[in-house]
PDB file of N, CA and C in Angstrom:
ATOM      1  N   MET A   1     -18.552 -16.542  69.110  1.00  0.00           N
ATOM      2  CA  MET A   1     -19.025 -15.923  68.644  1.00  0.00           C
ATOM      3  C   MET A   1     -19.815 -14.284  67.836  1.00  0.00           C
ATOM      4  N   ILE A   2     -19.480 -13.807  67.243  1.00  0.00           N
ATOM      5  CA  ILE A   2     -18.423 -12.488  66.797  1.00  0.00           C
ATOM      6  C   ILE A   2     -20.875 -12.058  66.824  1.00  0.00           C
ATOM      7  N   PRO A   3     -21.124 -11.229  67.299  1.00  0.00           N
ATOM      8  CA  PRO A   3     -22.670 -10.792  66.401  1.00  0.00           C
ATOM      9  C   PRO A   3     -22.804  -9.607  65.421  1.00  0.00           C
ATOM     10  N   LEU A   4     -24.088 -10.417  64.911  1.00  0.00           N
ATOM     11  CA  LEU A   4     -24.187  -9.545  64.121  1.00  0.00           C
ATOM     12  C   LEU A   4     -24.336  -7.716  63.685  1.00  0.00           C
ATOM     13  N   PRO A   5     -23.024  -6.766  62.770  1.00  0.00           N
ATOM     14  CA  PRO A   5     -22.976  -5.854  63.042  1.00  0.00           C
ATOM     15  C   PRO A   5     -24.106  -4.962  62.846  1.00  0.00           C
ATOM     16  N   ILE A   6     -25.372  -5.897  62.429  1.00  0.00           N
ATOM     17  CA  ILE A   6     -26.304  -4.423  61.804  1.00  0.00           C
ATOM     18  C   ILE A   6     -27.972  -5.354  63.029  1.00  0.00           C
ATOM     19  N   ASP A   7     -28.239  -4.059  62.992  1.00  0.00           N
ATOM     20  CA  ASP A   7     -29.229  -3.904  63.872  1.00  0.00           C
ATOM     21  C   ASP A   7     -30.722  -3.887  63.170  1.00  0.00           C
ATOM     22  N   LEU A   8     -30.475  -5.315  62.607  1.00  0.00           N
ATOM     23  CA  LEU A   8     -32.106  -6.649  61.934  1.00  0.00           C
ATOM     24  C   LEU A   8     -33.413  -5.605  61.567  1.00  0.00           C
ATOM     25  N   GLU A   9     -33.707  -4.957  63.177  1.00  0.00           N
ATOM     26  CA  GLU A   9     -35.066  -5.118  64.270  1.00  0.00           C
ATOM     27  C   GLU A   9     -35.299  -3.204  63.461  1.00  0.00           C
ATOM     28  N   SER A  10     -34.240  -2.468  63.457  1.00  0.00           N
ATOM     29  CA  SER A  10     -34.114  -1.302  62.908  1.00  0.00           C
ATOM     30  C   SER A  10     -34.691  -1.270  61.598  1.00  0.00           C
ATOM     31  N   TYR A  11     -34.966  -1.582  60.118  1.00  0.00           N
ATOM     32  CA  TYR A  11     -35.228  -2.572  59.104  1.00  0.00           C
ATOM     33  C   TYR A  11     -36.525  -2.649  58.868  1.00  0.00           C
ATOM     34  N   ASP A  12     -37.049  -2.719  58.365  1.00  0.00           N
ATOM     35  CA  ASP A  12     -38.703  -2.844  57.864  1.00  0.00           C
ATOM     36  C   ASP A  12     -38.316  -3.815  56.697  1.00  0.00           C
ATOM     37  N   GLU A  13     -38.677  -5.322  57.273  1.00  0.00           N
ATOM     38  CA  GLU A  13     -39.373  -6.277  56.146  1.00  0.00           C
ATOM     39  C   GLU A  13     -39.808  -6.421  54.683  1.00  0.00           C
ATOM     40  N   GLY A  14     -41.005  -5.585  55.369  1.00  0.00           N
ATOM     41  CA  GLY A  14     -41.120  -5.314  53.688  1.00  0.00           C
ATOM     42  C   GLY A  14     -40.962  -6.345  52.318  1.00  0.00           C
ATOM     43  N   ASP A  15     -41.414  -5.791  51.020  1.00  0.00           N
ATOM     44  CA  ASP A  15     -41.691  -7.141  50.136  1.00  0.00           C
ATOM     45  C   ASP A  15     -40.803  -6.467  49.175  1.00  0.00           C
ATOM     46  N   GLY A  16     -39.691  -6.171  49.781  1.00  0.00           N
ATOM     47  CA  GLY A  16     -39.059  -6.202  48.484  1.00  0.00           C
ATOM     48  C   GLY A  16     -38.098  -7.235  47.262  1.00  0.00           C
ATOM     49  N   ALA A  17     -38.601  -8.288  47.978  1.00  0.00           N
ATOM     50  CA  ALA A  17     -37.908  -9.405  47.017  1.00  0.00           C
ATOM     51  C   ALA A  17     -39.746  -9.352  46.259  1.00  0.00           C
ATOM     52  N   GLY A  18     -40.473  -9.378  46.398  1.00  0.00           N
ATOM     53  CA  GLY A  18     -41.380  -9.705  46.414  1.00  0.00           C
ATOM     54  C   GLY A  18     -42.078  -8.946  45.007  1.00  0.00           C
ATOM     55  N   THR A  19     -41.483  -7.611  45.872  1.00  0.00           N
ATOM     56  CA  THR A  19     -41.944  -6.448  44.401  1.00  0.00           C
ATOM     57  C   THR A  19     -40.079  -6.883  43.257  1.00  0.00           C
ATOM     58  N   LEU A  20     -39.115  -7.019  43.787  1.00  0.00           N
ATOM     59  CA  LEU A  20     -38.269  -7.500  42.522  1.00  0.00           C
ATOM     60  C   LEU A  20     -38.767  -8.747  41.588  1.00  0.00           C
ATOM     61  N   ARG A  21     -39.166  -9.593  42.657  1.00  0.00           N
ATOM     62  CA  ARG A  21     -39.885 -10.963  41.780  1.00  0.00           C
ATOM     63  C   ARG A  21     -41.013 -10.311  40.726  1.00  0.00           C
ATOM     64  N   HIS A  22     -41.864 -10.002  41.090  1.00  0.00           N
ATOM     65  CA  HIS A  22     -42.970  -9.248  40.342  1.00  0.00           C
ATOM     66  C   HIS A  22     -41.935  -8.985  39.213  1.00  0.00           C
ATOM     67  N   SER A  23     -42.077  -7.316  39.593  1.00  0.00           N
ATOM     68  CA  SER A  23     -40.980  -6.751  37.980  1.00  0.00           C
ATOM     69  C   SER A  23     -40.335  -7.575  37.372  1.00  0.00           C
ATOM     70  N   LEU A  24     -39.519  -8.904  37.649  1.00  0.00           N
ATOM     71  CA  LEU A  24     -38.834  -9.303  36.269  1.00  0.00           C
ATOM     72  C   LEU A  24     -38.946 -11.108  35.799  1.00  0.00           C
ATOM     73  N   GLY A  25     -40.627 -10.941  36.145  1.00  0.00           N
ATOM     74  CA  GLY A  25     -41.687 -11.895  36.620  1.00  0.00           C
ATOM     75  C   GLY A  25     -40.925 -13.101  36.810  1.00  0.00           C
ATOM     76  N   ILE A  26     -40.030 -13.106  37.633  1.00  0.00           N
ATOM     77  CA  ILE A  26     -39.382 -14.318  38.346  1.00  0.00           C
ATOM     78  C   ILE A  26     -40.329 -14.896  39.809  1.00  0.00           C
ATOM     79  N   ASP A  27     -41.539 -16.709  39.369  1.00  0.00           N
ATOM     80  CA  ASP A  27     -41.291 -17.638  39.948  1.00  0.00           C
ATOM     81  C   ASP A  27     -41.268 -16.902  41.789  1.00  0.00           C
ATOM     82  N   PRO A  28     -41.765 -17.306  42.494  1.00  0.00           N
ATOM     83  CA  PRO A  28     -41.394 -17.017  43.900  1.00  0.00           C
ATOM     84  C   PRO A  28     -40.610 -18.173  44.817  1.00  0.00           C
ATOM     85  N   ALA A  29     -41.678 -18.972  43.192  1.00  0.00           N
ATOM     86  CA  ALA A  29     -41.081 -20.795  44.701  1.00  0.00           C
ATOM     87  C   ALA A  29     -39.199 -21.159  43.371  1.00  0.00           C
ATOM     88  N   GLN A  30     -38.763 -20.509  42.131  1.00  0.00           N
ATOM     89  CA  GLN A  30     -37.982 -20.138  41.705  1.00  0.00           C
ATOM     90  C   GLN A  30     -37.008 -19.493  42.484  1.00  0.00           C
ATOM     91  N   ALA A  31     -34.670 -19.952  42.581  1.00  0.00           N
ATOM     92  CA  ALA A  31     -34.500 -19.097  43.322  1.00  0.00           C
ATOM     93  C   ALA A  31     -34.229 -18.004  42.474  1.00  0.00           C
ATOM     94  N   LEU A  32     -33.936 -17.046  43.886  1.00  0.00           N
ATOM     95  CA  LEU A  32     -33.119 -15.460  43.194  1.00  0.00           C
ATOM     96  C   LEU A  32     -32.008 -15.339  43.847  1.00  0.00           C
ATOM     97  N   LEU A  33     -30.358 -15.041  43.065  1.00  0.00           N
ATOM     98  CA  LEU A  33     -29.857 -15.418  43.391  1.00  0.00           C
ATOM     99  C   LEU A  33     -28.690 -13.719  43.303  1.00  0.00           C
ATOM    100  N   LEU A  34     -28.716 -13.095  43.984  1.00  0.00           N
ATOM    101  CA  LEU A  34     -28.057 -12.027  43.571  1.00  0.00           C
ATOM    102  C   LEU A  34     -26.139 -11.513  44.228  1.00  0.00           C
ATOM    103  N   PHE A  35     -25.637 -10.718  42.816  1.00  0.00           N
ATOM    104  CA  PHE A  35     -24.058 -10.387  42.757  1.00  0.00           C
ATOM    105  C   PHE A  35     -23.771  -9.102  42.681  1.00  0.00           C
ATOM    106  N   VAL A  36     -23.640  -8.085  44.277  1.00  0.00           N
ATOM    107  CA  VAL A  36     -22.932  -6.996  43.458  1.00  0.00           C
ATOM    108  C   VAL A  36     -21.708  -6.504  44.074  1.00  0.00           C
ATOM    109  N   GLY A  37     -21.658  -5.937  43.205  1.00  0.00           N
ATOM    110  CA  GLY A  37     -20.159  -5.685  43.550  1.00  0.00           C
ATOM    111  C   GLY A  37     -19.252  -4.848  41.653  1.00  0.00           C
ATOM    112  N   ASN A  38     -19.001  -4.406  41.533  1.00  0.00           N
ATOM    113  CA  ASN A  38     -17.779  -3.825  40.613  1.00  0.00           C
ATOM    114  C   ASN A  38     -16.414  -5.030  40.619  1.00  0.00           C
ATOM    115  N   ASP A  39     -15.976  -4.220  39.389  1.00  0.00           N
ATOM    116  CA  ASP A  39     -14.378  -5.369  38.907  1.00  0.00           C
ATOM    117  C   ASP A  39     -15.141  -7.122  38.531  1.00  0.00           C
ATOM    118  N   PHE A  40     -16.105  -6.177  37.478  1.00  0.00           N
ATOM    119  CA  PHE A  40     -16.712  -8.102  37.909  1.00  0.00           C
ATOM    120  C   PHE A  40     -15.736  -9.381  37.889  1.00  0.00           C
ATOM    121  N   GLU A  41     -14.919  -9.232  36.627  1.00  0.00           N
ATOM    122  CA  GLU A  41     -13.503 -10.365  36.628  1.00  0.00           C
ATOM    123  C   GLU A  41     -12.750 -10.844  37.605  1.00  0.00           C
ATOM    124  N   ARG A  42     -12.580  -9.589  38.320  1.00  0.00           N
ATOM    125  CA  ARG A  42     -12.138  -9.907  39.810  1.00  0.00           C
ATOM    126  C   ARG A  42     -13.229 -10.544  40.589  1.00  0.00           C
ATOM    127  N   LYS A  43     -14.239 -10.422  40.601  1.00  0.00           N
ATOM    128  CA  LYS A  43     -15.397 -10.310  42.291  1.00  0.00           C
ATOM    129  C   LYS A  43     -15.504 -11.753  41.103  1.00  0.00           C
ATOM    130  N   GLY A  44     -15.183 -12.190  39.815  1.00  0.00           N
ATOM    131  CA  GLY A  44     -16.070 -13.712  39.288  1.00  0.00           C
ATOM    132  C   GLY A  44     -17.900 -13.911  39.057  1.00  0.00           C
ATOM    133  N   LEU A  45     -17.315 -12.800  38.960  1.00  0.00           N
ATOM    134  CA  LEU A  45     -18.631 -13.238  37.848  1.00  0.00           C
ATOM    135  C   LEU A  45     -19.045 -14.472  36.775  1.00  0.00           C
ATOM    136  N   THR A  46     -18.129 -14.407  35.834  1.00  0.00           N
ATOM    137  CA  THR A  46     -18.219 -15.254  34.527  1.00  0.00           C
ATOM    138  C   THR A  46     -17.877 -16.851  35.738  1.00  0.00           C
ATOM    139  N   GLU A  47     -17.679 -16.740  36.645  1.00  0.00           N
ATOM    140  CA  GLU A  47     -17.635 -18.050  37.155  1.00  0.00           C
ATOM    141  C   GLU A  47     -19.313 -18.513  38.344  1.00  0.00           C
ATOM    142  N   CYS A  48     -19.504 -17.227  37.979  1.00  0.00           N
ATOM    143  CA  CYS A  48     -20.485 -17.418  39.183  1.00  0.00           C
ATOM    144  C   CYS A  48     -22.151 -17.694  38.189  1.00  0.00           C
ATOM    145  N   ILE A  49     -21.921 -17.360  37.128  1.00  0.00           N
ATOM    146  CA  ILE A  49     -22.820 -17.645  35.605  1.00  0.00           C
ATOM    147  C   ILE A  49     -22.763 -18.763  35.580  1.00  0.00           C
ATOM    148  N   ARG A  50     -21.217 -19.052  34.788  1.00  0.00           N
ATOM    149  CA  ARG A  50     -21.005 -20.925  34.343  1.00  0.00           C
ATOM    150  C   ARG A  50     -21.637 -21.432  35.468  1.00  0.00           C
ATOM    151  N   ALA A  51     -21.435 -20.928  36.443  1.00  0.00           N
ATOM    152  CA  ALA A  51     -21.803 -22.209  37.920  1.00  0.00           C
ATOM    153  C   ALA A  51     -23.440 -22.491  38.245  1.00  0.00           C
ATOM    154  N   LEU A  52     -24.363 -21.422  37.487  1.00  0.00           N
ATOM    155  CA  LEU A  52     -25.557 -21.282  37.187  1.00  0.00           C
ATOM    156  C   LEU A  52     -25.849 -22.535  36.224  1.00  0.00           C
ATOM    157  N   ARG A  53     -25.025 -22.843  35.282  1.00  0.00           N
ATOM    158  CA  ARG A  53     -26.025 -23.749  34.690  1.00  0.00           C
ATOM    159  C   ARG A  53     -26.294 -25.467  34.830  1.00  0.00           C
ATOM    160  N   ASP A  54     -25.789 -25.300  36.257  1.00  0.00           N
ATOM    161  CA  ASP A  54     -26.565 -26.494  37.342  1.00  0.00           C
ATOM    162  C   ASP A  54     -27.564 -26.401  37.264  1.00  0.00           C
ATOM    163  N   ALA A  55     -27.967 -24.937  38.092  1.00  0.00           N
ATOM    164  CA  ALA A  55     -29.342 -24.863  38.519  1.00  0.00           C
ATOM    165  C   ALA A  55     -30.165 -23.786  38.048  1.00  0.00           C
ATOM    166  N   PRO A  56     -31.177 -25.075  36.714  1.00  0.00           N
ATOM    167  CA  PRO A  56     -31.421 -23.955  35.635  1.00  0.00           C
ATOM    168  C   PRO A  56     -33.016 -23.168  36.098  1.00  0.00           C
ATOM    169  N   ASP A  57     -32.950 -23.602  37.325  1.00  0.00           N
ATOM    170  CA  ASP A  57     -34.166 -23.019  37.969  1.00  0.00           C
ATOM    171  C   ASP A  57     -33.937 -21.520  38.529  1.00  0.00           C
ATOM    172  N   SER A  58     -33.011 -20.516  38.949  1.00  0.00           N
ATOM    173  CA  SER A  58     -32.452 -19.866  39.014  1.00  0.00           C
ATOM    174  C   SER A  58     -32.379 -18.676  38.254  1.00  0.00           C
ATOM    175  N   HIS A  59     -32.320 -17.416  39.058  1.00  0.00           N
ATOM    176  CA  HIS A  59     -32.073 -15.893  38.282  1.00  0.00           C
ATOM    177  C   HIS A  59     -31.237 -15.337  39.596  1.00  0.00           C
ATOM    178  N   LEU A  60     -30.296 -15.314  38.392  1.00  0.00           N
ATOM    179  CA  LEU A  60     -29.343 -14.296  39.102  1.00  0.00           C
ATOM    180  C   LEU A  60     -29.604 -12.207  39.033  1.00  0.00           C
ATOM    181  N   VAL A  61     -29.531 -11.951  39.236  1.00  0.00           N
ATOM    182  CA  VAL A  61     -29.237 -10.503  40.063  1.00  0.00           C
ATOM    183  C   VAL A  61     -28.515  -9.488  39.422  1.00  0.00           C
ATOM    184  N   VAL A  62     -27.965  -9.345  38.640  1.00  0.00           N
ATOM    185  CA  VAL A  62     -26.136  -8.130  39.261  1.00  0.00           C
ATOM    186  C   VAL A  62     -26.810  -7.149  39.178  1.00  0.00           C
ATOM    187  N   VAL A  63     -26.002  -6.195  40.207  1.00  0.00           N
ATOM    188  CA  VAL A  63     -25.778  -5.337  40.627  1.00  0.00           C
ATOM    189  C   VAL A  63     -24.766  -4.443  41.060  1.00  0.00           C
ATOM    190  N   GLY A  64     -23.776  -3.065  39.857  1.00  0.00           N
ATOM    191  CA  GLY A  64     -23.358  -3.194  40.002  1.00  0.00           C
ATOM    192  C   GLY A  64     -21.991  -2.758  38.948  1.00  0.00           C
ATOM    193  N   GLY A  65     -21.153  -2.117  38.144  1.00  0.00           N
ATOM    194  CA  GLY A  65     -20.578  -1.798  37.077  1.00  0.00           C
ATOM    195  C   GLY A  65     -19.736  -2.447  37.267  1.00  0.00           C
ATOM    196  N   ASP A  66     -19.125  -2.454  35.783  1.00  0.00           N
ATOM    197  CA  ASP A  66     -17.645  -3.427  35.655  1.00  0.00           C
ATOM    198  C   ASP A  66     -16.843  -2.322  34.869  1.00  0.00           C
ATOM    199  N   VAL A  67     -16.669  -1.988  35.653  1.00  0.00           N
ATOM    200  CA  VAL A  67     -15.181  -1.182  36.217  1.00  0.00           C
ATOM    201  C   VAL A  67     -14.278  -0.890  35.391  1.00  0.00           C
TER     202      VAL A  67
END
């Protein structure tokens, strides 16, 4: 088993997801998916969006840029 490389104890859980959901108007019961990266074509953003057609109660937040 490989140990987790991030010390989770050093992070405050806060309410980051709740704040994001609230600002975007997303119900807490709905799935919130996060896509992070640049070069969207290479990373598969189009395929990710297509796959979400089968998950109508999900929301996708994209962070990054298409460089």
